[in-house]
Amino acid sequence: MKEKKAPERMCIACKGMFPKRELIRIVRTAEGQYFVDKTGKTMGRGCYICDNPQCIAKCIKAKLLNKAYKTEIGSEVYIKLNDDYNSAKKN
């Protein structure tokens, strides 16, 4: 029987290809809200980032979400991303 391939996605920071389940999904809803999607199934446009402190830092420093979503994103979204990442690491 054929082995089923896991879907892969690209990290917006390091450009590496990883299985979808290993990445953090950041979603923009139709209402324009941005948040970390823990289920990976929330409706909206998503982009992926490694579960790696260097990639998170690069995303925040270079404002890579602006490029991924092709729009200007406020600093509060980056602060929330950093807070969500840090709180997830503690648990």
PDB file of N, CA and C in Angstrom:
ATOM      1  N   MET A   1       0.837  -1.181   0.000  1.00  0.00           N
ATOM      2  CA  MET A   1       0.000   0.000   0.000  1.00  0.00           C
ATOM      3  C   MET A   1       0.885   1.248   0.000  1.00  0.00           C
ATOM      4  N   LYS A   2       0.476   2.245  -0.742  1.00  0.00           N
ATOM      5  CA  LYS A   2       1.244   3.482  -0.830  1.00  0.00           C
ATOM      6  C   LYS A   2       1.231   4.226   0.501  1.00  0.00           C
ATOM      7  N   GLU A   3       2.391   4.802   0.812  1.00  0.00           N
ATOM      8  CA  GLU A   3       2.483   5.626   2.010  1.00  0.00           C
ATOM      9  C   GLU A   3       1.935   7.012   1.688  1.00  0.00           C
ATOM     10  N   LYS A   4       1.054   7.508   2.551  1.00  0.00           N
ATOM     11  CA  LYS A   4       0.428   8.805   2.329  1.00  0.00           C
ATOM     12  C   LYS A   4       1.410   9.920   2.685  1.00  0.00           C
ATOM     13  N   LYS A   5       1.568  10.879   1.777  1.00  0.00           N
ATOM     14  CA  LYS A   5       2.469  11.994   2.018  1.00  0.00           C
ATOM     15  C   LYS A   5       1.758  13.069   2.835  1.00  0.00           C
ATOM     16  N   ALA A   6       2.492  13.607   3.808  1.00  0.00           N
ATOM     17  CA  ALA A   6       1.952  14.695   4.618  1.00  0.00           C
ATOM     18  C   ALA A   6       2.059  15.995   3.827  1.00  0.00           C
ATOM     19  N   PRO A   7       1.036  16.856   3.888  1.00  0.00           N
ATOM     20  CA  PRO A   7       1.124  18.138   3.182  1.00  0.00           C
ATOM     21  C   PRO A   7       2.251  18.995   3.763  1.00  0.00           C
ATOM     22  N   GLU A   8       2.996  19.645   2.891  1.00  0.00           N
ATOM     23  CA  GLU A   8       4.091  20.502   3.318  1.00  0.00           C
ATOM     24  C   GLU A   8       3.773  21.957   3.020  1.00  0.00           C
ATOM     25  N   ARG A   9       4.305  22.831   3.869  1.00  0.00           N
ATOM     26  CA  ARG A   9       4.145  24.266   3.696  1.00  0.00           C
ATOM     27  C   ARG A   9       5.502  24.930   3.890  1.00  0.00           C
ATOM     28  N   MET A  10       5.625  26.156   3.379  1.00  0.00           N
ATOM     29  CA  MET A  10       6.882  26.888   3.476  1.00  0.00           C
ATOM     30  C   MET A  10       6.829  27.903   4.610  1.00  0.00           C
ATOM     31  N   CYS A  11       7.895  27.947   5.394  1.00  0.00           N
ATOM     32  CA  CYS A  11       8.035  28.952   6.449  1.00  0.00           C
ATOM     33  C   CYS A  11       8.316  30.298   5.787  1.00  0.00           C
ATOM     34  N   ILE A  12       7.614  31.353   6.209  1.00  0.00           N
ATOM     35  CA  ILE A  12       7.806  32.670   5.595  1.00  0.00           C
ATOM     36  C   ILE A  12       9.128  33.307   6.008  1.00  0.00           C
ATOM     37  N   ALA A  13       9.767  32.794   7.073  1.00  0.00           N
ATOM     38  CA  ALA A  13      11.017  33.382   7.546  1.00  0.00           C
ATOM     39  C   ALA A  13      12.248  32.710   6.935  1.00  0.00           C
ATOM     40  N   CYS A  14      12.347  31.384   7.060  1.00  0.00           N
ATOM     41  CA  CYS A  14      13.552  30.687   6.584  1.00  0.00           C
ATOM     42  C   CYS A  14      13.370  30.059   5.209  1.00  0.00           C
ATOM     43  N   LYS A  15      12.150  30.073   4.678  1.00  0.00           N
ATOM     44  CA  LYS A  15      11.806  29.511   3.367  1.00  0.00           C
ATOM     45  C   LYS A  15      11.995  27.995   3.293  1.00  0.00           C
ATOM     46  N   GLY A  16      12.080  27.340   4.446  1.00  0.00           N
ATOM     47  CA  GLY A  16      12.197  25.884   4.465  1.00  0.00           C
ATOM     48  C   GLY A  16      10.834  25.225   4.321  1.00  0.00           C
ATOM     49  N   MET A  17      10.821  24.043   3.710  1.00  0.00           N
ATOM     50  CA  MET A  17       9.588  23.270   3.554  1.00  0.00           C
ATOM     51  C   MET A  17       9.499  22.268   4.701  1.00  0.00           C
ATOM     52  N   PHE A  18       8.357  22.263   5.397  1.00  0.00           N
ATOM     53  CA  PHE A  18       8.144  21.392   6.542  1.00  0.00           C
ATOM     54  C   PHE A  18       6.740  20.817   6.483  1.00  0.00           C
ATOM     55  N   PRO A  19       6.521  19.680   7.160  1.00  0.00           N
ATOM     56  CA  PRO A  19       5.147  19.173   7.261  1.00  0.00           C
ATOM     57  C   PRO A  19       4.255  20.222   7.931  1.00  0.00           C
ATOM     58  N   LYS A  20       3.054  20.341   7.444  1.00  0.00           N
ATOM     59  CA  LYS A  20       2.106  21.359   7.900  1.00  0.00           C
ATOM     60  C   LYS A  20       1.920  21.337   9.417  1.00  0.00           C
ATOM     61  N   ARG A  21       1.885  20.157  10.007  1.00  0.00           N
ATOM     62  CA  ARG A  21       1.647  20.020  11.447  1.00  0.00           C
ATOM     63  C   ARG A  21       2.788  20.553  12.309  1.00  0.00           C
ATOM     64  N   GLU A  22       3.981  20.702  11.738  1.00  0.00           N
ATOM     65  CA  GLU A  22       5.136  21.182  12.496  1.00  0.00           C
ATOM     66  C   GLU A  22       5.240  22.703  12.507  1.00  0.00           C
ATOM     67  N   LEU A  23       4.409  23.380  11.736  1.00  0.00           N
ATOM     68  CA  LEU A  23       4.489  24.833  11.613  1.00  0.00           C
ATOM     69  C   LEU A  23       3.369  25.525  12.381  1.00  0.00           C
ATOM     70  N   ILE A  24       3.591  26.780  12.679  1.00  0.00           N
ATOM     71  CA  ILE A  24       2.586  27.623  13.322  1.00  0.00           C
ATOM     72  C   ILE A  24       1.846  28.358  12.213  1.00  0.00           C
ATOM     73  N   ARG A  25       0.516  28.312  12.238  1.00  0.00           N
ATOM     74  CA  ARG A  25      -0.288  28.996  11.220  1.00  0.00           C
ATOM     75  C   ARG A  25      -0.805  30.309  11.785  1.00  0.00           C
ATOM     76  N   ILE A  26      -0.595  31.365  11.034  1.00  0.00           N
ATOM     77  CA  ILE A  26      -1.121  32.683  11.388  1.00  0.00           C
ATOM     78  C   ILE A  26      -2.186  32.993  10.352  1.00  0.00           C
ATOM     79  N   VAL A  27      -3.387  33.284  10.820  1.00  0.00           N
ATOM     80  CA  VAL A  27      -4.524  33.437   9.918  1.00  0.00           C
ATOM     81  C   VAL A  27      -5.075  34.857   9.970  1.00  0.00           C
ATOM     82  N   ARG A  28      -5.544  35.320   8.815  1.00  0.00           N
ATOM     83  CA  ARG A  28      -6.269  36.590   8.722  1.00  0.00           C
ATOM     84  C   ARG A  28      -7.694  36.253   8.333  1.00  0.00           C
ATOM     85  N   THR A  29      -8.642  36.647   9.174  1.00  0.00           N
ATOM     86  CA  THR A  29     -10.046  36.359   8.901  1.00  0.00           C
ATOM     87  C   THR A  29     -10.613  37.392   7.936  1.00  0.00           C
ATOM     88  N   ALA A  30     -11.822  37.144   7.485  1.00  0.00           N
ATOM     89  CA  ALA A  30     -12.495  38.074   6.574  1.00  0.00           C
ATOM     90  C   ALA A  30     -12.731  39.429   7.240  1.00  0.00           C
ATOM     91  N   GLU A  31     -12.823  39.434   8.568  1.00  0.00           N
ATOM     92  CA  GLU A  31     -13.029  40.684   9.316  1.00  0.00           C
ATOM     93  C   GLU A  31     -11.733  41.467   9.504  1.00  0.00           C
ATOM     94  N   GLY A  32     -10.600  40.904   9.078  1.00  0.00           N
ATOM     95  CA  GLY A  32      -9.324  41.595   9.196  1.00  0.00           C
ATOM     96  C   GLY A  32      -8.602  41.351  10.503  1.00  0.00           C
ATOM     97  N   GLN A  33      -8.989  40.324  11.240  1.00  0.00           N
ATOM     98  CA  GLN A  33      -8.319  39.990  12.495  1.00  0.00           C
ATOM     99  C   GLN A  33      -7.196  38.998  12.219  1.00  0.00           C
ATOM    100  N   TYR A  34      -6.100  39.132  12.956  1.00  0.00           N
ATOM    101  CA  TYR A  34      -4.956  38.240  12.821  1.00  0.00           C
ATOM    102  C   TYR A  34      -4.761  37.502  14.134  1.00  0.00           C
ATOM    103  N   PHE A  35      -4.523  36.192  14.055  1.00  0.00           N
ATOM    104  CA  PHE A  35      -4.229  35.427  15.258  1.00  0.00           C
ATOM    105  C   PHE A  35      -3.575  34.103  14.899  1.00  0.00           C
ATOM    106  N   VAL A  36      -2.981  33.472  15.914  1.00  0.00           N
ATOM    107  CA  VAL A  36      -2.369  32.159  15.738  1.00  0.00           C
ATOM    108  C   VAL A  36      -3.479  31.122  15.737  1.00  0.00           C
ATOM    109  N   ASP A  37      -3.515  30.322  14.686  1.00  0.00           N
ATOM    110  CA  ASP A  37      -4.535  29.284  14.522  1.00  0.00           C
ATOM    111  C   ASP A  37      -3.981  27.968  15.054  1.00  0.00           C
ATOM    112  N   LYS A  38      -4.435  27.572  16.228  1.00  0.00           N
ATOM    113  CA  LYS A  38      -3.928  26.354  16.859  1.00  0.00           C
ATOM    114  C   LYS A  38      -4.464  25.086  16.204  1.00  0.00           C
ATOM    115  N   THR A  39      -5.635  25.161  15.571  1.00  0.00           N
ATOM    116  CA  THR A  39      -6.231  23.977  14.953  1.00  0.00           C
ATOM    117  C   THR A  39      -5.766  23.781  13.516  1.00  0.00           C
ATOM    118  N   GLY A  40      -5.399  24.861  12.846  1.00  0.00           N
ATOM    119  CA  GLY A  40      -4.996  24.778  11.447  1.00  0.00           C
ATOM    120  C   GLY A  40      -6.165  24.694  10.491  1.00  0.00           C
ATOM    121  N   LYS A  41      -7.373  24.916  10.997  1.00  0.00           N
ATOM    122  CA  LYS A  41      -8.570  24.770  10.168  1.00  0.00           C
ATOM    123  C   LYS A  41      -9.461  26.006  10.132  1.00  0.00           C
ATOM    124  N   THR A  42      -9.056  27.069  10.800  1.00  0.00           N
ATOM    125  CA  THR A  42      -9.866  28.279  10.836  1.00  0.00           C
ATOM    126  C   THR A  42      -9.967  28.878   9.439  1.00  0.00           C
ATOM    127  N   MET A  43     -11.160  29.341   9.097  1.00  0.00           N
ATOM    128  CA  MET A  43     -11.380  29.963   7.791  1.00  0.00           C
ATOM    129  C   MET A  43     -10.593  31.263   7.706  1.00  0.00           C
ATOM    130  N   GLY A  44      -9.979  31.491   6.571  1.00  0.00           N
ATOM    131  CA  GLY A  44      -9.232  32.713   6.346  1.00  0.00           C
ATOM    132  C   GLY A  44      -7.920  32.421   5.653  1.00  0.00           C
ATOM    133  N   ARG A  45      -7.227  33.469   5.318  1.00  0.00           N
ATOM    134  CA  ARG A  45      -5.930  33.337   4.642  1.00  0.00           C
ATOM    135  C   ARG A  45      -4.863  33.037   5.678  1.00  0.00           C
ATOM    136  N   GLY A  46      -4.069  32.030   5.425  1.00  0.00           N
ATOM    137  CA  GLY A  46      -3.049  31.633   6.384  1.00  0.00           C
ATOM    138  C   GLY A  46      -1.650  31.711   5.820  1.00  0.00           C
ATOM    139  N   CYS A  47      -0.701  31.908   6.715  1.00  0.00           N
ATOM    140  CA  CYS A  47       0.710  31.770   6.370  1.00  0.00           C
ATOM    141  C   CYS A  47       1.358  30.992   7.507  1.00  0.00           C
ATOM    142  N   TYR A  48       2.505  30.426   7.235  1.00  0.00           N
ATOM    143  CA  TYR A  48       3.121  29.498   8.173  1.00  0.00           C
ATOM    144  C   TYR A  48       4.505  29.973   8.565  1.00  0.00           C
ATOM    145  N   ILE A  49       4.871  29.652   9.820  1.00  0.00           N
ATOM    146  CA  ILE A  49       6.188  29.998  10.332  1.00  0.00           C
ATOM    147  C   ILE A  49       6.681  28.853  11.213  1.00  0.00           C
ATOM    148  N   CYS A  50       7.989  28.625  11.192  1.00  0.00           N
ATOM    149  CA  CYS A  50       8.601  27.549  11.984  1.00  0.00           C
ATOM    150  C   CYS A  50       8.379  27.788  13.471  1.00  0.00           C
ATOM    151  N   ASP A  51       8.400  26.695  14.191  1.00  0.00           N
ATOM    152  CA  ASP A  51       8.351  26.765  15.652  1.00  0.00           C
ATOM    153  C   ASP A  51       9.791  26.916  16.151  1.00  0.00           C
ATOM    154  N   ASN A  52      10.418  28.004  15.734  1.00  0.00           N
ATOM    155  CA  ASN A  52      11.831  28.237  15.969  1.00  0.00           C
ATOM    156  C   ASN A  52      12.000  29.696  16.413  1.00  0.00           C
ATOM    157  N   PRO A  53      12.684  29.942  17.521  1.00  0.00           N
ATOM    158  CA  PRO A  53      12.821  31.326  18.006  1.00  0.00           C
ATOM    159  C   PRO A  53      13.463  32.277  16.990  1.00  0.00           C
ATOM    160  N   GLN A  54      14.422  31.776  16.194  1.00  0.00           N
ATOM    161  CA  GLN A  54      15.060  32.640  15.202  1.00  0.00           C
ATOM    162  C   GLN A  54      14.075  33.055  14.112  1.00  0.00           C
ATOM    163  N   CYS A  55      13.215  32.137  13.695  1.00  0.00           N
ATOM    164  CA  CYS A  55      12.229  32.463  12.657  1.00  0.00           C
ATOM    165  C   CYS A  55      11.183  33.445  13.184  1.00  0.00           C
ATOM    166  N   ILE A  56      10.760  33.257  14.424  1.00  0.00           N
ATOM    167  CA  ILE A  56       9.799  34.186  15.033  1.00  0.00           C
ATOM    168  C   ILE A  56      10.424  35.581  15.103  1.00  0.00           C
ATOM    169  N   ALA A  57      11.680  35.648  15.566  1.00  0.00           N
ATOM    170  CA  ALA A  57      12.368  36.938  15.681  1.00  0.00           C
ATOM    171  C   ALA A  57      12.538  37.595  14.312  1.00  0.00           C
ATOM    172  N   LYS A  58      12.884  36.802  13.301  1.00  0.00           N
ATOM    173  CA  LYS A  58      13.054  37.345  11.947  1.00  0.00           C
ATOM    174  C   LYS A  58      11.733  37.862  11.397  1.00  0.00           C
ATOM    175  N   CYS A  59      10.652  37.137  11.659  1.00  0.00           N
ATOM    176  CA  CYS A  59       9.321  37.554  11.206  1.00  0.00           C
ATOM    177  C   CYS A  59       8.944  38.901  11.810  1.00  0.00           C
ATOM    178  N   ILE A  60       9.224  39.063  13.089  1.00  0.00           N
ATOM    179  CA  ILE A  60       8.877  40.301  13.784  1.00  0.00           C
ATOM    180  C   ILE A  60       9.778  41.448  13.320  1.00  0.00           C
ATOM    181  N   LYS A  61      11.084  41.195  13.251  1.00  0.00           N
ATOM    182  CA  LYS A  61      12.038  42.245  12.892  1.00  0.00           C
ATOM    183  C   LYS A  61      11.837  42.734  11.456  1.00  0.00           C
ATOM    184  N   ALA A  62      11.658  41.805  10.523  1.00  0.00           N
ATOM    185  CA  ALA A  62      11.529  42.170   9.110  1.00  0.00           C
ATOM    186  C   ALA A  62      10.081  42.419   8.696  1.00  0.00           C
ATOM    187  N   LYS A  63       9.152  42.276   9.643  1.00  0.00           N
ATOM    188  CA  LYS A  63       7.718  42.465   9.376  1.00  0.00           C
ATOM    189  C   LYS A  63       7.275  41.634   8.167  1.00  0.00           C
ATOM    190  N   LEU A  64       7.563  40.342   8.243  1.00  0.00           N
ATOM    191  CA  LEU A  64       7.284  39.440   7.128  1.00  0.00           C
ATOM    192  C   LEU A  64       5.798  39.198   6.903  1.00  0.00           C
ATOM    193  N   LEU A  65       4.964  39.445   7.908  1.00  0.00           N
ATOM    194  CA  LEU A  65       3.519  39.286   7.701  1.00  0.00           C
ATOM    195  C   LEU A  65       2.999  40.328   6.713  1.00  0.00           C
ATOM    196  N   ASN A  66       3.624  41.503   6.688  1.00  0.00           N
ATOM    197  CA  ASN A  66       3.234  42.523   5.700  1.00  0.00           C
ATOM    198  C   ASN A  66       3.391  41.976   4.288  1.00  0.00           C
ATOM    199  N   LYS A  67       4.499  41.302   4.048  1.00  0.00           N
ATOM    200  CA  LYS A  67       4.761  40.743   2.722  1.00  0.00           C
ATOM    201  C   LYS A  67       3.836  39.560   2.435  1.00  0.00           C
ATOM    202  N   ALA A  68       3.636  38.702   3.419  1.00  0.00           N
ATOM    203  CA  ALA A  68       2.808  37.510   3.216  1.00  0.00           C
ATOM    204  C   ALA A  68       1.357  37.875   2.912  1.00  0.00           C
ATOM    205  N   TYR A  69       0.836  38.891   3.584  1.00  0.00           N
ATOM    206  CA  TYR A  69      -0.563  39.280   3.388  1.00  0.00           C
ATOM    207  C   TYR A  69      -0.733  40.462   2.439  1.00  0.00           C
ATOM    208  N   LYS A  70       0.375  40.997   1.935  1.00  0.00           N
ATOM    209  CA  LYS A  70       0.359  42.109   0.980  1.00  0.00           C
ATOM    210  C   LYS A  70      -0.440  43.306   1.487  1.00  0.00           C
ATOM    211  N   THR A  71      -0.250  43.612   2.768  1.00  0.00           N
ATOM    212  CA  THR A  71      -0.926  44.746   3.387  1.00  0.00           C
ATOM    213  C   THR A  71      -0.108  45.209   4.587  1.00  0.00           C
ATOM    214  N   GLU A  72      -0.363  46.419   5.049  1.00  0.00           N
ATOM    215  CA  GLU A  72       0.323  46.956   6.218  1.00  0.00           C
ATOM    216  C   GLU A  72      -0.331  46.403   7.482  1.00  0.00           C
ATOM    217  N   ILE A  73       0.482  45.817   8.337  1.00  0.00           N
ATOM    218  CA  ILE A  73      -0.021  45.207   9.569  1.00  0.00           C
ATOM    219  C   ILE A  73       0.590  45.952  10.745  1.00  0.00           C
ATOM    220  N   GLY A  74      -0.243  46.307  11.714  1.00  0.00           N
ATOM    221  CA  GLY A  74       0.206  47.067  12.873  1.00  0.00           C
ATOM    222  C   GLY A  74       1.125  46.278  13.789  1.00  0.00           C
ATOM    223  N   SER A  75       1.904  46.996  14.581  1.00  0.00           N
ATOM    224  CA  SER A  75       2.866  46.356  15.479  1.00  0.00           C
ATOM    225  C   SER A  75       2.183  45.529  16.559  1.00  0.00           C
ATOM    226  N   GLU A  76       0.917  45.837  16.878  1.00  0.00           N
ATOM    227  CA  GLU A  76       0.214  45.063  17.910  1.00  0.00           C
ATOM    228  C   GLU A  76       0.039  43.602  17.497  1.00  0.00           C
ATOM    229  N   VAL A  77      -0.065  43.341  16.195  1.00  0.00           N
ATOM    230  CA  VAL A  77      -0.186  41.960  15.703  1.00  0.00           C
ATOM    231  C   VAL A  77       1.118  41.213  15.953  1.00  0.00           C
ATOM    232  N   TYR A  78       2.251  41.869  15.713  1.00  0.00           N
ATOM    233  CA  TYR A  78       3.552  41.243  15.945  1.00  0.00           C
ATOM    234  C   TYR A  78       3.780  41.003  17.437  1.00  0.00           C
ATOM    235  N   ILE A  79       3.349  41.938  18.268  1.00  0.00           N
ATOM    236  CA  ILE A  79       3.469  41.770  19.718  1.00  0.00           C
ATOM    237  C   ILE A  79       2.626  40.590  20.174  1.00  0.00           C
ATOM    238  N   LYS A  80       1.400  40.493  19.647  1.00  0.00           N
ATOM    239  CA  LYS A  80       0.517  39.382  19.997  1.00  0.00           C
ATOM    240  C   LYS A  80       1.103  38.051  19.527  1.00  0.00           C
ATOM    241  N   LEU A  81       1.699  38.025  18.334  1.00  0.00           N
ATOM    242  CA  LEU A  81       2.342  36.816  17.821  1.00  0.00           C
ATOM    243  C   LEU A  81       3.454  36.363  18.764  1.00  0.00           C
ATOM    244  N   ASN A  82       4.284  37.300  19.191  1.00  0.00           N
ATOM    245  CA  ASN A  82       5.375  36.983  20.107  1.00  0.00           C
ATOM    246  C   ASN A  82       4.837  36.475  21.441  1.00  0.00           C
ATOM    247  N   ASP A  83       3.792  37.121  21.965  1.00  0.00           N
ATOM    248  CA  ASP A  83       3.184  36.694  23.228  1.00  0.00           C
ATOM    249  C   ASP A  83       2.575  35.303  23.107  1.00  0.00           C
ATOM    250  N   ASP A  84       1.856  35.043  22.004  1.00  0.00           N
ATOM    251  CA  ASP A  84       1.256  33.722  21.784  1.00  0.00           C
ATOM    252  C   ASP A  84       2.329  32.646  21.702  1.00  0.00           C
ATOM    253  N   TYR A  85       3.415  32.949  21.016  1.00  0.00           N
ATOM    254  CA  TYR A  85       4.511  31.986  20.874  1.00  0.00           C
ATOM    255  C   TYR A  85       5.136  31.691  22.234  1.00  0.00           C
ATOM    256  N   ASN A  86       5.412  32.742  23.011  1.00  0.00           N
ATOM    257  CA  ASN A  86       6.034  32.552  24.324  1.00  0.00           C
ATOM    258  C   ASN A  86       5.121  31.802  25.285  1.00  0.00           C
ATOM    259  N   SER A  87       3.820  32.097  25.263  1.00  0.00           N
ATOM    260  CA  SER A  87       2.892  31.394  26.157  1.00  0.00           C
ATOM    261  C   SER A  87       2.733  29.934  25.740  1.00  0.00           C
ATOM    262  N   ALA A  88       2.782  29.648  24.445  1.00  0.00           N
ATOM    263  CA  ALA A  88       2.687  28.263  23.974  1.00  0.00           C
ATOM    264  C   ALA A  88       3.926  27.473  24.375  1.00  0.00           C
ATOM    265  N   LYS A  89       5.075  28.105  24.380  1.00  0.00           N
ATOM    266  CA  LYS A  89       6.318  27.432  24.759  1.00  0.00           C
ATOM    267  C   LYS A  89       6.337  27.092  26.248  1.00  0.00           C
ATOM    268  N   LYS A  90       5.691  27.914  27.069  1.00  0.00           N
ATOM    269  CA  LYS A  90       5.657  27.665  28.512  1.00  0.00           C
ATOM    270  C   LYS A  90       4.767  26.483  28.857  1.00  0.00           C
ATOM    271  N   ASN A  91       3.755  26.222  28.040  1.00  0.00           N
ATOM    272  CA  ASN A  91       2.808  25.127  28.320  1.00  0.00           C
ATOM    273  C   ASN A  91       3.304  23.826  27.830  1.00  0.00           C
TER     274      ASN A  91
END
